[in-house]
PDB file of N, CA and C in Angstrom:
ATOM      1  N   MET A   1     -34.452  42.945   6.074  1.00  0.00           N
ATOM      2  CA  MET A   1     -33.069  43.220   6.459  1.00  0.00           C
ATOM      3  C   MET A   1     -32.959  44.600   7.116  1.00  0.00           C
ATOM      4  N   GLU A   2     -33.670  45.553   6.545  1.00  0.00           N
ATOM      5  CA  GLU A   2     -33.620  46.913   7.074  1.00  0.00           C
ATOM      6  C   GLU A   2     -34.193  46.973   8.488  1.00  0.00           C
ATOM      7  N   THR A   3     -35.273  46.239   8.711  1.00  0.00           N
ATOM      8  CA  THR A   3     -35.858  46.240  10.058  1.00  0.00           C
ATOM      9  C   THR A   3     -34.976  45.502  11.044  1.00  0.00           C
ATOM     10  N   ALA A   4     -34.239  44.506  10.568  1.00  0.00           N
ATOM     11  CA  ALA A   4     -33.340  43.776  11.460  1.00  0.00           C
ATOM     12  C   ALA A   4     -32.221  44.689  11.957  1.00  0.00           C
ATOM     13  N   MET A   5     -31.668  45.524  11.054  1.00  0.00           N
ATOM     14  CA  MET A   5     -30.627  46.460  11.468  1.00  0.00           C
ATOM     15  C   MET A   5     -31.202  47.496  12.433  1.00  0.00           C
ATOM     16  N   SER A   6     -32.388  47.970  12.135  1.00  0.00           N
ATOM     17  CA  SER A   6     -33.022  48.952  13.002  1.00  0.00           C
ATOM     18  C   SER A   6     -33.282  48.359  14.384  1.00  0.00           C
ATOM     19  N   ASP A   7     -33.761  47.122  14.415  1.00  0.00           N
ATOM     20  CA  ASP A   7     -34.005  46.452  15.700  1.00  0.00           C
ATOM     21  C   ASP A   7     -32.699  46.245  16.457  1.00  0.00           C
ATOM     22  N   LEU A   8     -31.641  45.908  15.728  1.00  0.00           N
ATOM     23  CA  LEU A   8     -30.340  45.688  16.365  1.00  0.00           C
ATOM     24  C   LEU A   8     -29.846  46.973  17.014  1.00  0.00           C
ATOM     25  N   PHE A   9     -29.948  48.100  16.296  1.00  0.00           N
ATOM     26  CA  PHE A   9     -29.492  49.368  16.850  1.00  0.00           C
ATOM     27  C   PHE A   9     -30.415  49.870  17.949  1.00  0.00           C
ATOM     28  N   ASP A  10     -31.705  49.506  17.886  1.00  0.00           N
ATOM     29  CA  ASP A  10     -32.611  49.865  18.977  1.00  0.00           C
ATOM     30  C   ASP A  10     -32.277  49.081  20.237  1.00  0.00           C
ATOM     31  N   GLU A  11     -31.881  47.832  20.057  1.00  0.00           N
ATOM     32  CA  GLU A  11     -31.561  46.988  21.205  1.00  0.00           C
ATOM     33  C   GLU A  11     -30.199  47.351  21.800  1.00  0.00           C
ATOM     34  N   TYR A  12     -29.236  47.689  20.938  1.00  0.00           N
ATOM     35  CA  TYR A  12     -27.878  48.043  21.373  1.00  0.00           C
ATOM     36  C   TYR A  12     -27.509  49.417  20.790  1.00  0.00           C
ATOM     37  N   PRO A  13     -27.928  50.498  21.426  1.00  0.00           N
ATOM     38  CA  PRO A  13     -27.709  51.838  20.838  1.00  0.00           C
ATOM     39  C   PRO A  13     -26.236  52.245  20.757  1.00  0.00           C
ATOM     40  N   MET A  14     -25.385  51.678  21.582  1.00  0.00           N
ATOM     41  CA  MET A  14     -23.965  52.045  21.549  1.00  0.00           C
ATOM     42  C   MET A  14     -23.196  51.284  20.468  1.00  0.00           C
ATOM     43  N   LEU A  15     -23.848  50.369  19.803  1.00  0.00           N
ATOM     44  CA  LEU A  15     -23.172  49.570  18.785  1.00  0.00           C
ATOM     45  C   LEU A  15     -22.668  50.432  17.638  1.00  0.00           C
ATOM     46  N   ILE A  16     -23.416  51.425  17.257  1.00  0.00           N
ATOM     47  CA  ILE A  16     -22.988  52.290  16.152  1.00  0.00           C
ATOM     48  C   ILE A  16     -21.731  53.069  16.532  1.00  0.00           C
ATOM     49  N   PHE A  17     -21.614  53.476  17.789  1.00  0.00           N
ATOM     50  CA  PHE A  17     -20.404  54.175  18.234  1.00  0.00           C
ATOM     51  C   PHE A  17     -19.208  53.227  18.273  1.00  0.00           C
ATOM     52  N   ALA A  18     -19.443  51.998  18.677  1.00  0.00           N
ATOM     53  CA  ALA A  18     -18.366  51.018  18.693  1.00  0.00           C
ATOM     54  C   ALA A  18     -17.877  50.733  17.269  1.00  0.00           C
ATOM     55  N   LEU A  19     -18.809  50.588  16.331  1.00  0.00           N
ATOM     56  CA  LEU A  19     -18.418  50.349  14.943  1.00  0.00           C
ATOM     57  C   LEU A  19     -17.664  51.542  14.370  1.00  0.00           C
ATOM     58  N   GLU A  20     -18.120  52.734  14.689  1.00  0.00           N
ATOM     59  CA  GLU A  20     -17.450  53.942  14.199  1.00  0.00           C
ATOM     60  C   GLU A  20     -16.047  54.060  14.787  1.00  0.00           C
ATOM     61  N   SER A  21     -15.885  53.732  16.056  1.00  0.00           N
ATOM     62  CA  SER A  21     -14.561  53.826  16.673  1.00  0.00           C
ATOM     63  C   SER A  21     -13.614  52.770  16.109  1.00  0.00           C
ATOM     64  N   LEU A  22     -14.119  51.587  15.812  1.00  0.00           N
ATOM     65  CA  LEU A  22     -13.283  50.570  15.192  1.00  0.00           C
ATOM     66  C   LEU A  22     -12.845  50.989  13.792  1.00  0.00           C
ATOM     67  N   LEU A  23     -13.729  51.602  13.048  1.00  0.00           N
ATOM     68  CA  LEU A  23     -13.377  52.097  11.724  1.00  0.00           C
ATOM     69  C   LEU A  23     -12.322  53.198  11.818  1.00  0.00           C
ATOM     70  N   ALA A  24     -12.469  54.101  12.779  1.00  0.00           N
ATOM     71  CA  ALA A  24     -11.494  55.175  12.968  1.00  0.00           C
ATOM     72  C   ALA A  24     -10.128  54.609  13.366  1.00  0.00           C
ATOM     73  N   LEU A  25     -10.120  53.599  14.228  1.00  0.00           N
ATOM     74  CA  LEU A  25      -8.871  52.959  14.632  1.00  0.00           C
ATOM     75  C   LEU A  25      -8.200  52.284  13.442  1.00  0.00           C
ATOM     76  N   PHE A  26      -8.966  51.585  12.622  1.00  0.00           N
ATOM     77  CA  PHE A  26      -8.421  50.939  11.433  1.00  0.00           C
ATOM     78  C   PHE A  26      -7.816  51.971  10.485  1.00  0.00           C
ATOM     79  N   LEU A  27      -8.522  53.084  10.274  1.00  0.00           N
ATOM     80  CA  LEU A  27      -8.003  54.129   9.395  1.00  0.00           C
ATOM     81  C   LEU A  27      -6.721  54.738   9.950  1.00  0.00           C
ATOM     82  N   LEU A  28      -6.651  54.940  11.241  1.00  0.00           N
ATOM     83  CA  LEU A  28      -5.449  55.478  11.861  1.00  0.00           C
ATOM     84  C   LEU A  28      -4.254  54.549  11.653  1.00  0.00           C
ATOM     85  N   VAL A  29      -4.452  53.272  11.913  1.00  0.00           N
ATOM     86  CA  VAL A  29      -3.370  52.300  11.734  1.00  0.00           C
ATOM     87  C   VAL A  29      -2.955  52.235  10.264  1.00  0.00           C
ATOM     88  N   PHE A  30      -3.915  52.250   9.367  1.00  0.00           N
ATOM     89  CA  PHE A  30      -3.617  52.203   7.939  1.00  0.00           C
ATOM     90  C   PHE A  30      -2.795  53.412   7.509  1.00  0.00           C
ATOM     91  N   ILE A  31      -3.167  54.599   7.967  1.00  0.00           N
ATOM     92  CA  ILE A  31      -2.442  55.814   7.594  1.00  0.00           C
ATOM     93  C   ILE A  31      -1.023  55.786   8.153  1.00  0.00           C
ATOM     94  N   VAL A  32      -0.852  55.340   9.381  1.00  0.00           N
ATOM     95  CA  VAL A  32       0.481  55.277   9.980  1.00  0.00           C
ATOM     96  C   VAL A  32       1.365  54.290   9.228  1.00  0.00           C
ATOM     97  N   VAL A  33       0.832  53.124   8.909  1.00  0.00           N
ATOM     98  CA  VAL A  33       1.609  52.125   8.170  1.00  0.00           C
ATOM     99  C   VAL A  33       1.948  52.636   6.781  1.00  0.00           C
ATOM    100  N   TRP A  34       0.987  53.279   6.125  1.00  0.00           N
ATOM    101  CA  TRP A  34       1.202  53.797   4.767  1.00  0.00           C
ATOM    102  C   TRP A  34       2.313  54.849   4.750  1.00  0.00           C
ATOM    103  N   THR A  35       2.265  55.779   5.696  1.00  0.00           N
ATOM    104  CA  THR A  35       3.261  56.845   5.701  1.00  0.00           C
ATOM    105  C   THR A  35       4.628  56.343   6.140  1.00  0.00           C
ATOM    106  N   SER A  36       4.675  55.406   7.066  1.00  0.00           N
ATOM    107  CA  SER A  36       5.976  54.898   7.501  1.00  0.00           C
ATOM    108  C   SER A  36       6.631  54.065   6.403  1.00  0.00           C
ATOM    109  N   SER A  37       5.867  53.369   5.609  1.00  0.00           N
ATOM    110  CA  SER A  37       6.465  52.602   4.517  1.00  0.00           C
ATOM    111  C   SER A  37       6.989  53.547   3.440  1.00  0.00           C
ATOM    112  N   GLY A  38       6.363  54.691   3.251  1.00  0.00           N
ATOM    113  CA  GLY A  38       6.848  55.673   2.294  1.00  0.00           C
ATOM    114  C   GLY A  38       8.184  56.255   2.715  1.00  0.00           C
ATOM    115  N   LYS A  39       8.366  56.487   4.002  1.00  0.00           N
ATOM    116  CA  LYS A  39       9.640  57.002   4.505  1.00  0.00           C
ATOM    117  C   LYS A  39      10.744  55.975   4.318  1.00  0.00           C
ATOM    118  N   LYS A  40      10.433  54.702   4.524  1.00  0.00           N
ATOM    119  CA  LYS A  40      11.433  53.650   4.348  1.00  0.00           C
ATOM    120  C   LYS A  40      11.858  53.552   2.891  1.00  0.00           C
ATOM    121  N   LYS A  41      10.898  53.674   1.978  1.00  0.00           N
ATOM    122  CA  LYS A  41      11.224  53.611   0.559  1.00  0.00           C
ATOM    123  C   LYS A  41      12.094  54.790   0.149  1.00  0.00           C
ATOM    124  N   ALA A  42      11.791  55.970   0.660  1.00  0.00           N
ATOM    125  CA  ALA A  42      12.576  57.160   0.332  1.00  0.00           C
ATOM    126  C   ALA A  42      13.993  57.039   0.893  1.00  0.00           C
ATOM    127  N   ALA A  43      14.127  56.517   2.093  1.00  0.00           N
ATOM    128  CA  ALA A  43      15.447  56.345   2.699  1.00  0.00           C
ATOM    129  C   ALA A  43      16.254  55.307   1.920  1.00  0.00           C
ATOM    130  N   ARG A  44      15.592  54.238   1.499  1.00  0.00           N
ATOM    131  CA  ARG A  44      16.258  53.216   0.711  1.00  0.00           C
ATOM    132  C   ARG A  44      16.736  53.776  -0.621  1.00  0.00           C
ATOM    133  N   ALA A  45      15.901  54.575  -1.263  1.00  0.00           N
ATOM    134  CA  ALA A  45      16.262  55.158  -2.553  1.00  0.00           C
ATOM    135  C   ALA A  45      17.440  56.118  -2.387  1.00  0.00           C
ATOM    136  N   ALA A  46      17.454  56.894  -1.318  1.00  0.00           N
ATOM    137  CA  ALA A  46      18.552  57.831  -1.081  1.00  0.00           C
ATOM    138  C   ALA A  46      19.851  57.086  -0.805  1.00  0.00           C
ATOM    139  N   SER A  47      19.798  56.013  -0.042  1.00  0.00           N
ATOM    140  CA  SER A  47      21.024  55.259   0.255  1.00  0.00           C
ATOM    141  C   SER A  47      21.531  54.551  -1.004  1.00  0.00           C
ATOM    142  N   ASN A  48      20.639  54.059  -1.842  1.00  0.00           N
ATOM    143  CA  ASN A  48      21.064  53.437  -3.099  1.00  0.00           C
ATOM    144  C   ASN A  48      21.709  54.460  -4.017  1.00  0.00           C
ATOM    145  N   GLU A  49      21.180  55.672  -4.023  1.00  0.00           N
ATOM    146  CA  GLU A  49      21.749  56.737  -4.860  1.00  0.00           C
ATOM    147  C   GLU A  49      23.142  57.105  -4.372  1.00  0.00           C
ATOM    148  N   GLN A  50      23.335  57.156  -3.065  1.00  0.00           N
ATOM    149  CA  GLN A  50      24.656  57.476  -2.518  1.00  0.00           C
ATOM    150  C   GLN A  50      25.651  56.376  -2.845  1.00  0.00           C
ATOM    151  N   GLN A  51      25.211  55.133  -2.789  1.00  0.00           N
ATOM    152  CA  GLN A  51      26.119  54.022  -3.095  1.00  0.00           C
ATOM    153  C   GLN A  51      26.537  54.049  -4.570  1.00  0.00           C
ATOM    154  N   THR A  52      25.624  54.364  -5.463  1.00  0.00           N
ATOM    155  CA  THR A  52      25.980  54.410  -6.885  1.00  0.00           C
ATOM    156  C   THR A  52      26.907  55.590  -7.158  1.00  0.00           C
ATOM    157  N   GLN A  53      26.777  56.689  -6.436  1.00  0.00           N
ATOM    158  CA  GLN A  53      27.685  57.828  -6.616  1.00  0.00           C
ATOM    159  C   GLN A  53      29.078  57.468  -6.117  1.00  0.00           C
ATOM    160  N   ARG A  54      29.180  56.723  -5.041  1.00  0.00           N
ATOM    161  CA  ARG A  54      30.477  56.314  -4.498  1.00  0.00           C
ATOM    162  C   ARG A  54      31.177  55.354  -5.446  1.00  0.00           C
ATOM    163  N   LYS A  55      30.425  54.455  -6.043  1.00  0.00           N
ATOM    164  CA  LYS A  55      31.000  53.477  -6.962  1.00  0.00           C
ATOM    165  C   LYS A  55      31.516  54.132  -8.234  1.00  0.00           C
ATOM    166  N   SER A  56      30.849  55.180  -8.691  1.00  0.00           N
ATOM    167  CA  SER A  56      31.239  55.832  -9.937  1.00  0.00           C
ATOM    168  C   SER A  56      32.461  56.731  -9.752  1.00  0.00           C
ATOM    169  N   GLN A  57      32.799  57.084  -8.516  1.00  0.00           N
ATOM    170  CA  GLN A  57      33.947  57.969  -8.297  1.00  0.00           C
ATOM    171  C   GLN A  57      35.245  57.239  -8.278  1.00  0.00           C
TER     172      GLN A  57
END
């Protein structure tokens, strides 16, 4: 198995860069989605808090 990977990278030397760039792209998308969902949750919590304050007055 180890020699097969070595042969693959010897035959296609740019493959490792392509795999690394795909991993970086996936991480970027994951981080953006993660942070944007956190902002939505915080905004939802703030609006719910304002609604409960209005109802209690």
